[in-house]
Amino acid sequence: MGRVASKVRDKRLLRLIGDYLRAPMQTPDGRQEKRTRGTPQGGPLSPLLANIYLDPLDKELEQRGLSFVRYADDIAIFVSSERSAERVKASVIAWIEKHLKVEVNRDKSGSGPSDQSGLLGFRLYADGRIGVAPKTITRLKAKVRELWEARQSLTSEQLRDQWQRYIRGWWNYFQLADWRREVEDLTGWTRRHMRKCFWLRWHHPRGRLNALKRLGVRGRALGNAYCAKGAWAMALHPTLQQALKNATLHRYGFIIPWIPTPARQ
């Protein structure tokens, strides 16, 4: 709090921050315990305090002439070689622990090529481009599988709203990144999960037949309601592609925000 007080002069605000930090924390079994260290996670105070507390580190790195980017307690420093990276990492950790009295988690501190590591979910390239980190794509795919799990007891409207809440928030965060290579595969893969989900939610051949009719499928193609293929394979079947066109999915709110609105087909 002493370092915060050196930057924040409003005593009312300092009292509010102190009360927030001293607020008891709730354990998984429902008990409340006194907080002796750290800050409540998920709130706006943690990154604010990190920015105040780590301001001397920013000045130290600037004085050394190092290129770096930091948000709260996540930081990446850019040097020209692996040998320099190891040397700078060791010296910066030593400086932090000596001057800021903070123990650095060495398990989460590493070095390597910038385009093979991530910061806040992004991949940073040496030429200045910003991409999406591989782990971010992996987590997105896991979330797509979860949100398009057919066994959820949700109406189509609830399924739509759940999807929109997640994917719009995700896209608002990552839309400035350059990830054209990844998006081509991800778009079709995501829509395939959507179609698979609907196929399974139609439950049985009679339900699938009625759904296909409602979606405009006619003639011999309706016989595919009785197809014995698995749902993942059926998601690529021309009949289901015809019933749930890209424009149809978009019109019903099952959006892919990183591509333009499909033309009505």
C-alpha atoms as a PDB file:
ATOM      1  CA  MET A   1       0.000   0.000   0.000  1.00  0.00           C
ATOM      2  CA  GLY A   2       2.964   2.306   0.547  1.00  0.00           C
ATOM      3  CA  ARG A   3       3.849   2.188  -3.139  1.00  0.00           C
ATOM      4  CA  VAL A   4       0.204   2.752  -4.085  1.00  0.00           C
ATOM      5  CA  ALA A   5       0.063   5.755  -1.736  1.00  0.00           C
ATOM      6  CA  SER A   6       3.074   7.249  -3.512  1.00  0.00           C
ATOM      7  CA  LYS A   7       1.021   7.344  -6.722  1.00  0.00           C
ATOM      8  CA  VAL A   8      -2.519   7.823  -5.368  1.00  0.00           C
ATOM      9  CA  ARG A   9      -3.078  10.824  -3.101  1.00  0.00           C
ATOM     10  CA  ASP A  10      -6.838  10.515  -2.559  1.00  0.00           C
ATOM     11  CA  LYS A  11      -7.220   9.118   0.979  1.00  0.00           C
ATOM     12  CA  ARG A  12     -10.782   7.962   0.351  1.00  0.00           C
ATOM     13  CA  LEU A  13      -9.629   5.903  -2.609  1.00  0.00           C
ATOM     14  CA  LEU A  14      -6.751   4.461  -0.584  1.00  0.00           C
ATOM     15  CA  ARG A  15      -9.185   3.390   2.153  1.00  0.00           C
ATOM     16  CA  LEU A  16     -11.433   1.785  -0.446  1.00  0.00           C
ATOM     17  CA  ILE A  17      -8.501  -0.138  -1.938  1.00  0.00           C
ATOM     18  CA  GLY A  18      -7.412  -1.240   1.540  1.00  0.00           C
ATOM     19  CA  ASP A  19     -10.904  -2.476   2.404  1.00  0.00           C
ATOM     20  CA  TYR A  20     -11.049  -4.351  -0.893  1.00  0.00           C
ATOM     21  CA  LEU A  21      -7.718  -6.055  -0.262  1.00  0.00           C
ATOM     22  CA  ARG A  22      -8.643  -6.992   3.310  1.00  0.00           C
ATOM     23  CA  ALA A  23     -12.027  -8.429   2.352  1.00  0.00           C
ATOM     24  CA  PRO A  24     -12.227 -12.102   3.389  1.00  0.00           C
ATOM     25  CA  MET A  25     -12.119 -14.775   0.709  1.00  0.00           C
ATOM     26  CA  GLN A  26     -14.552 -17.650   0.405  1.00  0.00           C
ATOM     27  CA  THR A  27     -13.172 -21.182   0.343  1.00  0.00           C
ATOM     28  CA  PRO A  28     -14.643 -23.929  -1.907  1.00  0.00           C
ATOM     29  CA  ASP A  29     -16.591 -25.338   1.070  1.00  0.00           C
ATOM     30  CA  GLY A  30     -18.270 -21.976   1.734  1.00  0.00           C
ATOM     31  CA  ARG A  31     -16.187 -20.800   4.691  1.00  0.00           C
ATOM     32  CA  GLN A  32     -14.715 -17.301   4.806  1.00  0.00           C
ATOM     33  CA  GLU A  33     -11.022 -16.863   5.561  1.00  0.00           C
ATOM     34  CA  LYS A  34      -8.983 -13.764   6.260  1.00  0.00           C
ATOM     35  CA  ARG A  35      -6.899 -12.662   3.283  1.00  0.00           C
ATOM     36  CA  THR A  36      -3.219 -12.257   4.182  1.00  0.00           C
ATOM     37  CA  ARG A  37      -1.735 -11.767   0.718  1.00  0.00           C
ATOM     38  CA  GLY A  38      -2.693 -11.276  -2.918  1.00  0.00           C
ATOM     39  CA  THR A  39      -5.688  -9.569  -4.496  1.00  0.00           C
ATOM     40  CA  PRO A  40      -9.154 -10.853  -5.441  1.00  0.00           C
ATOM     41  CA  GLN A  41      -9.000 -12.413  -8.899  1.00  0.00           C
ATOM     42  CA  GLY A  42     -11.195 -11.351 -11.778  1.00  0.00           C
ATOM     43  CA  GLY A  43     -11.774  -7.774 -10.655  1.00  0.00           C
ATOM     44  CA  PRO A  44     -10.420  -4.500 -12.030  1.00  0.00           C
ATOM     45  CA  LEU A  45      -8.195  -3.804  -9.033  1.00  0.00           C
ATOM     46  CA  SER A  46      -5.600  -6.504  -9.671  1.00  0.00           C
ATOM     47  CA  PRO A  47      -4.277  -5.136 -13.023  1.00  0.00           C
ATOM     48  CA  LEU A  48      -4.478  -1.574 -11.685  1.00  0.00           C
ATOM     49  CA  LEU A  49      -2.306  -2.398  -8.683  1.00  0.00           C
ATOM     50  CA  ALA A  50       0.082  -4.377 -10.877  1.00  0.00           C
ATOM     51  CA  ASN A  51       0.516  -1.358 -13.148  1.00  0.00           C
ATOM     52  CA  ILE A  52       1.300   0.879 -10.180  1.00  0.00           C
ATOM     53  CA  TYR A  53       3.604  -1.603  -8.481  1.00  0.00           C
ATOM     54  CA  LEU A  54       5.504  -2.558 -11.644  1.00  0.00           C
ATOM     55  CA  ASP A  55       5.992   0.986 -12.898  1.00  0.00           C
ATOM     56  CA  PRO A  56       9.604   0.978 -11.582  1.00  0.00           C
ATOM     57  CA  LEU A  57      10.227  -2.164 -13.653  1.00  0.00           C
ATOM     58  CA  ASP A  58       9.031  -0.363 -16.783  1.00  0.00           C
ATOM     59  CA  LYS A  59      11.452   2.461 -16.081  1.00  0.00           C
ATOM     60  CA  GLU A  60      14.302   0.009 -15.449  1.00  0.00           C
ATOM     61  CA  LEU A  61      13.709  -1.780 -18.756  1.00  0.00           C
ATOM     62  CA  GLU A  62      13.465   1.530 -20.604  1.00  0.00           C
ATOM     63  CA  GLN A  63      16.743   2.632 -19.030  1.00  0.00           C
ATOM     64  CA  ARG A  64      18.381  -0.571 -20.258  1.00  0.00           C
ATOM     65  CA  GLY A  65      17.111   0.126 -23.771  1.00  0.00           C
ATOM     66  CA  LEU A  66      15.091  -3.095 -23.965  1.00  0.00           C
ATOM     67  CA  SER A  67      12.035  -3.572 -26.160  1.00  0.00           C
ATOM     68  CA  PHE A  68       9.159  -4.953 -24.108  1.00  0.00           C
ATOM     69  CA  VAL A  69       5.390  -5.075 -23.728  1.00  0.00           C
ATOM     70  CA  ARG A  70       3.568  -5.490 -20.426  1.00  0.00           C
ATOM     71  CA  TYR A  71      -0.042  -5.778 -19.294  1.00  0.00           C
ATOM     72  CA  ALA A  72      -0.507  -6.059 -15.527  1.00  0.00           C
ATOM     73  CA  ASP A  73       1.925  -8.811 -14.487  1.00  0.00           C
ATOM     74  CA  ASP A  74       2.280 -10.375 -17.958  1.00  0.00           C
ATOM     75  CA  ILE A  75       5.418  -9.163 -19.709  1.00  0.00           C
ATOM     76  CA  ALA A  76       7.422 -10.042 -22.815  1.00  0.00           C
ATOM     77  CA  ILE A  77      10.926  -8.708 -23.469  1.00  0.00           C
ATOM     78  CA  PHE A  78      12.407  -8.879 -26.968  1.00  0.00           C
ATOM     79  CA  VAL A  79      16.107  -9.424 -27.663  1.00  0.00           C
ATOM     80  CA  SER A  80      18.139 -10.567 -30.649  1.00  0.00           C
ATOM     81  CA  SER A  81      19.344 -14.020 -29.586  1.00  0.00           C
ATOM     82  CA  GLU A  82      18.569 -16.941 -27.302  1.00  0.00           C
ATOM     83  CA  ARG A  83      21.760 -16.297 -25.356  1.00  0.00           C
ATOM     84  CA  SER A  84      20.708 -12.701 -24.734  1.00  0.00           C
ATOM     85  CA  ALA A  85      17.246 -13.886 -23.718  1.00  0.00           C
ATOM     86  CA  GLU A  86      18.613 -16.152 -20.984  1.00  0.00           C
ATOM     87  CA  ARG A  87      20.939 -13.436 -19.720  1.00  0.00           C
ATOM     88  CA  VAL A  88      18.231 -10.752 -19.661  1.00  0.00           C
ATOM     89  CA  LYS A  89      15.701 -13.091 -18.065  1.00  0.00           C
ATOM     90  CA  ALA A  90      18.077 -13.912 -15.217  1.00  0.00           C
ATOM     91  CA  SER A  91      19.016 -10.284 -14.608  1.00  0.00           C
ATOM     92  CA  VAL A  92      15.414  -9.012 -14.724  1.00  0.00           C
ATOM     93  CA  ILE A  93      14.214 -11.714 -12.322  1.00  0.00           C
ATOM     94  CA  ALA A  94      17.025 -10.816  -9.947  1.00  0.00           C
ATOM     95  CA  TRP A  95      16.131  -7.105 -10.198  1.00  0.00           C
ATOM     96  CA  ILE A  96      12.434  -7.747  -9.510  1.00  0.00           C
ATOM     97  CA  GLU A  97      13.110  -9.914  -6.476  1.00  0.00           C
ATOM     98  CA  LYS A  98      15.671  -7.488  -5.064  1.00  0.00           C
ATOM     99  CA  HIS A  99      13.961  -4.145  -5.678  1.00  0.00           C
ATOM    100  CA  LEU A 100      10.265  -5.033  -5.717  1.00  0.00           C
ATOM    101  CA  LYS A 101      10.425  -7.851  -3.149  1.00  0.00           C
ATOM    102  CA  VAL A 102       8.290 -10.067  -5.389  1.00  0.00           C
ATOM    103  CA  GLU A 103       8.959 -13.764  -5.904  1.00  0.00           C
ATOM    104  CA  VAL A 104       8.926 -14.592  -9.622  1.00  0.00           C
ATOM    105  CA  ASN A 105       7.296 -17.861 -10.680  1.00  0.00           C
ATOM    106  CA  ARG A 106      10.116 -19.461 -12.658  1.00  0.00           C
ATOM    107  CA  ASP A 107       7.844 -22.219 -13.959  1.00  0.00           C
ATOM    108  CA  LYS A 108       5.888 -19.575 -15.879  1.00  0.00           C
ATOM    109  CA  SER A 109       8.971 -17.625 -16.961  1.00  0.00           C
ATOM    110  CA  GLY A 110      10.601 -18.840 -20.142  1.00  0.00           C
ATOM    111  CA  SER A 111      12.414 -17.796 -23.279  1.00  0.00           C
ATOM    112  CA  GLY A 112      12.163 -18.714 -26.935  1.00  0.00           C
ATOM    113  CA  PRO A 113      11.319 -17.418 -30.416  1.00  0.00           C
ATOM    114  CA  SER A 114       8.637 -14.751 -30.238  1.00  0.00           C
ATOM    115  CA  ASP A 115       6.419 -16.454 -32.806  1.00  0.00           C
ATOM    116  CA  GLN A 116       6.376 -19.663 -30.748  1.00  0.00           C
ATOM    117  CA  SER A 117       5.256 -18.080 -27.505  1.00  0.00           C
ATOM    118  CA  GLY A 118       2.246 -16.047 -26.479  1.00  0.00           C
ATOM    119  CA  LEU A 119       1.252 -13.038 -24.431  1.00  0.00           C
ATOM    120  CA  LEU A 120      -2.348 -12.643 -23.263  1.00  0.00           C
ATOM    121  CA  GLY A 121      -3.418 -15.128 -25.917  1.00  0.00           C
ATOM    122  CA  PHE A 122      -1.601 -13.387 -28.766  1.00  0.00           C
ATOM    123  CA  ARG A 123       1.441 -14.451 -30.781  1.00  0.00           C
ATOM    124  CA  LEU A 124       3.968 -11.667 -31.375  1.00  0.00           C
ATOM    125  CA  TYR A 125       6.154 -11.811 -34.492  1.00  0.00           C
ATOM    126  CA  ALA A 126       9.592 -10.247 -34.906  1.00  0.00           C
ATOM    127  CA  ASP A 127       8.359  -8.182 -37.870  1.00  0.00           C
ATOM    128  CA  GLY A 128       5.689  -6.516 -35.730  1.00  0.00           C
ATOM    129  CA  ARG A 129       2.697  -8.611 -36.778  1.00  0.00           C
ATOM    130  CA  ILE A 130       0.278  -9.811 -34.109  1.00  0.00           C
ATOM    131  CA  GLY A 131      -1.222 -13.274 -34.440  1.00  0.00           C
ATOM    132  CA  VAL A 132      -3.222 -15.631 -32.259  1.00  0.00           C
ATOM    133  CA  ALA A 133      -1.247 -18.011 -30.045  1.00  0.00           C
ATOM    134  CA  PRO A 134      -1.651 -21.755 -30.773  1.00  0.00           C
ATOM    135  CA  LYS A 135      -2.999 -22.353 -27.255  1.00  0.00           C
ATOM    136  CA  THR A 136      -5.697 -19.762 -27.923  1.00  0.00           C
ATOM    137  CA  ILE A 137      -6.909 -21.696 -30.969  1.00  0.00           C
ATOM    138  CA  THR A 138      -6.822 -24.935 -28.959  1.00  0.00           C
ATOM    139  CA  ARG A 139      -8.938 -23.382 -26.201  1.00  0.00           C
ATOM    140  CA  LEU A 140     -11.354 -21.918 -28.751  1.00  0.00           C
ATOM    141  CA  LYS A 141     -11.846 -25.325 -30.360  1.00  0.00           C
ATOM    142  CA  ALA A 142     -12.505 -26.893 -26.962  1.00  0.00           C
ATOM    143  CA  LYS A 143     -15.121 -24.219 -26.253  1.00  0.00           C
ATOM    144  CA  VAL A 144     -16.768 -24.749 -29.650  1.00  0.00           C
ATOM    145  CA  ARG A 145     -17.098 -28.465 -28.878  1.00  0.00           C
ATOM    146  CA  GLU A 146     -18.574 -27.640 -25.472  1.00  0.00           C
ATOM    147  CA  LEU A 147     -21.072 -25.051 -26.728  1.00  0.00           C
ATOM    148  CA  TRP A 148     -22.225 -27.256 -29.598  1.00  0.00           C
ATOM    149  CA  GLU A 149     -22.686 -30.362 -27.475  1.00  0.00           C
ATOM    150  CA  ALA A 150     -26.059 -31.748 -28.595  1.00  0.00           C
ATOM    151  CA  ARG A 151     -27.021 -33.175 -25.194  1.00  0.00           C
ATOM    152  CA  GLN A 152     -27.543 -29.740 -23.641  1.00  0.00           C
ATOM    153  CA  SER A 153     -31.110 -29.125 -22.445  1.00  0.00           C
ATOM    154  CA  LEU A 154     -31.410 -25.806 -24.278  1.00  0.00           C
ATOM    155  CA  THR A 155     -33.884 -24.408 -26.755  1.00  0.00           C
ATOM    156  CA  SER A 156     -32.538 -23.253 -30.109  1.00  0.00           C
ATOM    157  CA  GLU A 157     -32.862 -19.657 -28.902  1.00  0.00           C
ATOM    158  CA  GLN A 158     -30.866 -20.407 -25.744  1.00  0.00           C
ATOM    159  CA  LEU A 159     -28.258 -22.220 -27.813  1.00  0.00           C
ATOM    160  CA  ARG A 160     -28.020 -19.180 -30.100  1.00  0.00           C
ATOM    161  CA  ASP A 161     -27.748 -16.698 -27.218  1.00  0.00           C
ATOM    162  CA  GLN A 162     -25.107 -18.801 -25.458  1.00  0.00           C
ATOM    163  CA  TRP A 163     -23.067 -18.994 -28.656  1.00  0.00           C
ATOM    164  CA  GLN A 164     -23.355 -15.303 -29.441  1.00  0.00           C
ATOM    165  CA  ARG A 165     -22.298 -14.247 -25.939  1.00  0.00           C
ATOM    166  CA  TYR A 166     -19.134 -16.292 -26.131  1.00  0.00           C
ATOM    167  CA  ILE A 167     -18.046 -15.839 -29.738  1.00  0.00           C
ATOM    168  CA  ARG A 168     -18.721 -12.096 -29.874  1.00  0.00           C
ATOM    169  CA  GLY A 169     -16.699 -11.540 -26.704  1.00  0.00           C
ATOM    170  CA  TRP A 170     -13.891 -13.711 -28.053  1.00  0.00           C
ATOM    171  CA  TRP A 171     -13.868 -11.883 -31.376  1.00  0.00           C
ATOM    172  CA  ASN A 172     -13.963  -8.422 -29.788  1.00  0.00           C
ATOM    173  CA  TYR A 173     -10.764  -9.351 -27.959  1.00  0.00           C
ATOM    174  CA  PHE A 174      -8.855 -11.028 -30.798  1.00  0.00           C
ATOM    175  CA  GLN A 175     -10.132  -9.239 -33.910  1.00  0.00           C
ATOM    176  CA  LEU A 176      -7.026  -7.052 -34.276  1.00  0.00           C
ATOM    177  CA  ALA A 177      -4.811 -10.104 -34.740  1.00  0.00           C
ATOM    178  CA  ASP A 178      -3.675 -11.354 -38.144  1.00  0.00           C
ATOM    179  CA  TRP A 179      -4.795 -14.978 -38.273  1.00  0.00           C
ATOM    180  CA  ARG A 180      -5.985 -15.500 -41.833  1.00  0.00           C
ATOM    181  CA  ARG A 181      -4.246 -18.862 -42.110  1.00  0.00           C
ATOM    182  CA  GLU A 182      -6.061 -20.291 -39.108  1.00  0.00           C
ATOM    183  CA  VAL A 183      -9.480 -18.815 -39.861  1.00  0.00           C
ATOM    184  CA  GLU A 184     -10.016 -20.674 -43.142  1.00  0.00           C
ATOM    185  CA  ASP A 185      -9.908 -24.069 -41.438  1.00  0.00           C
ATOM    186  CA  LEU A 186     -11.688 -22.880 -38.303  1.00  0.00           C
ATOM    187  CA  THR A 187     -14.733 -21.454 -40.104  1.00  0.00           C
ATOM    188  CA  GLY A 188     -15.739 -24.671 -41.840  1.00  0.00           C
ATOM    189  CA  TRP A 189     -14.875 -26.743 -38.784  1.00  0.00           C
ATOM    190  CA  THR A 190     -17.108 -24.600 -36.551  1.00  0.00           C
ATOM    191  CA  ARG A 191     -20.052 -24.788 -38.940  1.00  0.00           C
ATOM    192  CA  ARG A 192     -19.609 -28.529 -39.149  1.00  0.00           C
ATOM    193  CA  HIS A 193     -20.057 -28.689 -35.367  1.00  0.00           C
ATOM    194  CA  MET A 194     -23.211 -26.575 -35.678  1.00  0.00           C
ATOM    195  CA  ARG A 195     -24.723 -28.916 -38.278  1.00  0.00           C
ATOM    196  CA  LYS A 196     -23.699 -31.984 -36.299  1.00  0.00           C
ATOM    197  CA  CYS A 197     -25.414 -30.554 -33.220  1.00  0.00           C
ATOM    198  CA  PHE A 198     -28.691 -29.903 -35.021  1.00  0.00           C
ATOM    199  CA  TRP A 199     -28.653 -33.335 -36.648  1.00  0.00           C
ATOM    200  CA  LEU A 200     -28.341 -34.967 -33.230  1.00  0.00           C
ATOM    201  CA  ARG A 201     -30.969 -32.687 -31.669  1.00  0.00           C
ATOM    202  CA  TRP A 202     -33.481 -33.874 -34.263  1.00  0.00           C
ATOM    203  CA  HIS A 203     -33.075 -37.226 -32.461  1.00  0.00           C
ATOM    204  CA  HIS A 204     -34.586 -39.802 -34.832  1.00  0.00           C
ATOM    205  CA  PRO A 205     -35.401 -40.272 -38.531  1.00  0.00           C
ATOM    206  CA  ARG A 206     -38.955 -38.916 -38.241  1.00  0.00           C
ATOM    207  CA  GLY A 207     -37.747 -35.782 -36.456  1.00  0.00           C
ATOM    208  CA  ARG A 208     -34.986 -35.328 -39.031  1.00  0.00           C
ATOM    209  CA  LEU A 209     -37.449 -35.756 -41.876  1.00  0.00           C
ATOM    210  CA  ASN A 210     -39.737 -33.064 -40.468  1.00  0.00           C
ATOM    211  CA  ALA A 211     -36.808 -30.710 -39.841  1.00  0.00           C
ATOM    212  CA  LEU A 212     -35.472 -31.150 -43.376  1.00  0.00           C
ATOM    213  CA  LYS A 213     -38.927 -30.400 -44.793  1.00  0.00           C
ATOM    214  CA  ARG A 214     -39.202 -27.228 -42.704  1.00  0.00           C
ATOM    215  CA  LEU A 215     -35.811 -26.126 -44.022  1.00  0.00           C
ATOM    216  CA  GLY A 216     -36.870 -26.511 -47.642  1.00  0.00           C
ATOM    217  CA  VAL A 217     -35.436 -29.896 -48.601  1.00  0.00           C
ATOM    218  CA  ARG A 218     -37.585 -31.682 -51.170  1.00  0.00           C
ATOM    219  CA  GLY A 219     -37.722 -34.859 -53.229  1.00  0.00           C
ATOM    220  CA  ARG A 220     -35.337 -37.783 -52.972  1.00  0.00           C
ATOM    221  CA  ALA A 221     -32.978 -35.833 -50.706  1.00  0.00           C
ATOM    222  CA  LEU A 222     -35.496 -36.297 -47.887  1.00  0.00           C
ATOM    223  CA  GLY A 223     -34.570 -39.980 -47.827  1.00  0.00           C
ATOM    224  CA  ASN A 224     -31.298 -39.007 -46.196  1.00  0.00           C
ATOM    225  CA  ALA A 225     -33.234 -38.464 -42.969  1.00  0.00           C
ATOM    226  CA  TYR A 226     -32.871 -42.250 -42.622  1.00  0.00           C
ATOM    227  CA  CYS A 227     -29.139 -42.274 -43.419  1.00  0.00           C
ATOM    228  CA  ALA A 228     -27.127 -44.479 -41.067  1.00  0.00           C
ATOM    229  CA  LYS A 229     -23.986 -42.327 -41.186  1.00  0.00           C
ATOM    230  CA  GLY A 230     -22.722 -40.784 -37.970  1.00  0.00           C
ATOM    231  CA  ALA A 231     -23.557 -37.176 -37.114  1.00  0.00           C
ATOM    232  CA  TRP A 232     -20.020 -35.892 -37.793  1.00  0.00           C
ATOM    233  CA  ALA A 233     -20.106 -37.411 -41.282  1.00  0.00           C
ATOM    234  CA  MET A 234     -23.659 -36.168 -41.910  1.00  0.00           C
ATOM    235  CA  ALA A 235     -22.533 -32.630 -41.097  1.00  0.00           C
ATOM    236  CA  LEU A 236     -20.723 -32.698 -44.467  1.00  0.00           C
ATOM    237  CA  HIS A 237     -23.562 -34.386 -46.354  1.00  0.00           C
ATOM    238  CA  PRO A 238     -24.986 -32.308 -49.255  1.00  0.00           C
ATOM    239  CA  THR A 239     -28.529 -32.658 -47.885  1.00  0.00           C
ATOM    240  CA  LEU A 240     -27.655 -31.155 -44.511  1.00  0.00           C
ATOM    241  CA  GLN A 241     -25.491 -28.545 -46.216  1.00  0.00           C
ATOM    242  CA  GLN A 242     -28.538 -27.606 -48.310  1.00  0.00           C
ATOM    243  CA  ALA A 243     -30.847 -27.485 -45.288  1.00  0.00           C
ATOM    244  CA  LEU A 244     -28.477 -25.490 -43.090  1.00  0.00           C
ATOM    245  CA  LYS A 245     -26.732 -23.234 -45.582  1.00  0.00           C
ATOM    246  CA  ASN A 246     -24.182 -20.740 -44.292  1.00  0.00           C
ATOM    247  CA  ALA A 247     -26.656 -17.914 -44.887  1.00  0.00           C
ATOM    248  CA  THR A 248     -29.401 -19.843 -43.073  1.00  0.00           C
ATOM    249  CA  LEU A 249     -27.243 -20.383 -39.999  1.00  0.00           C
ATOM    250  CA  HIS A 250     -26.324 -16.706 -39.991  1.00  0.00           C
ATOM    251  CA  ARG A 251     -29.942 -15.602 -40.441  1.00  0.00           C
ATOM    252  CA  TYR A 252     -30.976 -17.579 -37.371  1.00  0.00           C
ATOM    253  CA  GLY A 253     -28.199 -15.972 -35.329  1.00  0.00           C
ATOM    254  CA  PHE A 254     -25.593 -18.748 -35.448  1.00  0.00           C
ATOM    255  CA  ILE A 255     -22.924 -16.304 -36.521  1.00  0.00           C
ATOM    256  CA  ILE A 256     -19.241 -16.528 -37.388  1.00  0.00           C
ATOM    257  CA  PRO A 257     -18.180 -12.940 -36.604  1.00  0.00           C
ATOM    258  CA  TRP A 258     -14.821 -13.027 -38.381  1.00  0.00           C
ATOM    259  CA  ILE A 259     -16.331 -13.459 -41.855  1.00  0.00           C
ATOM    260  CA  PRO A 260     -18.670 -11.155 -43.821  1.00  0.00           C
ATOM    261  CA  THR A 261     -22.403 -11.794 -43.688  1.00  0.00           C
ATOM    262  CA  PRO A 262     -23.108 -14.598 -46.212  1.00  0.00           C
ATOM    263  CA  ALA A 263     -25.346 -13.765 -49.150  1.00  0.00           C
ATOM    264  CA  ARG A 264     -28.802 -15.309 -48.996  1.00  0.00           C
ATOM    265  CA  GLN A 265     -28.912 -18.476 -51.051  1.00  0.00           C
END
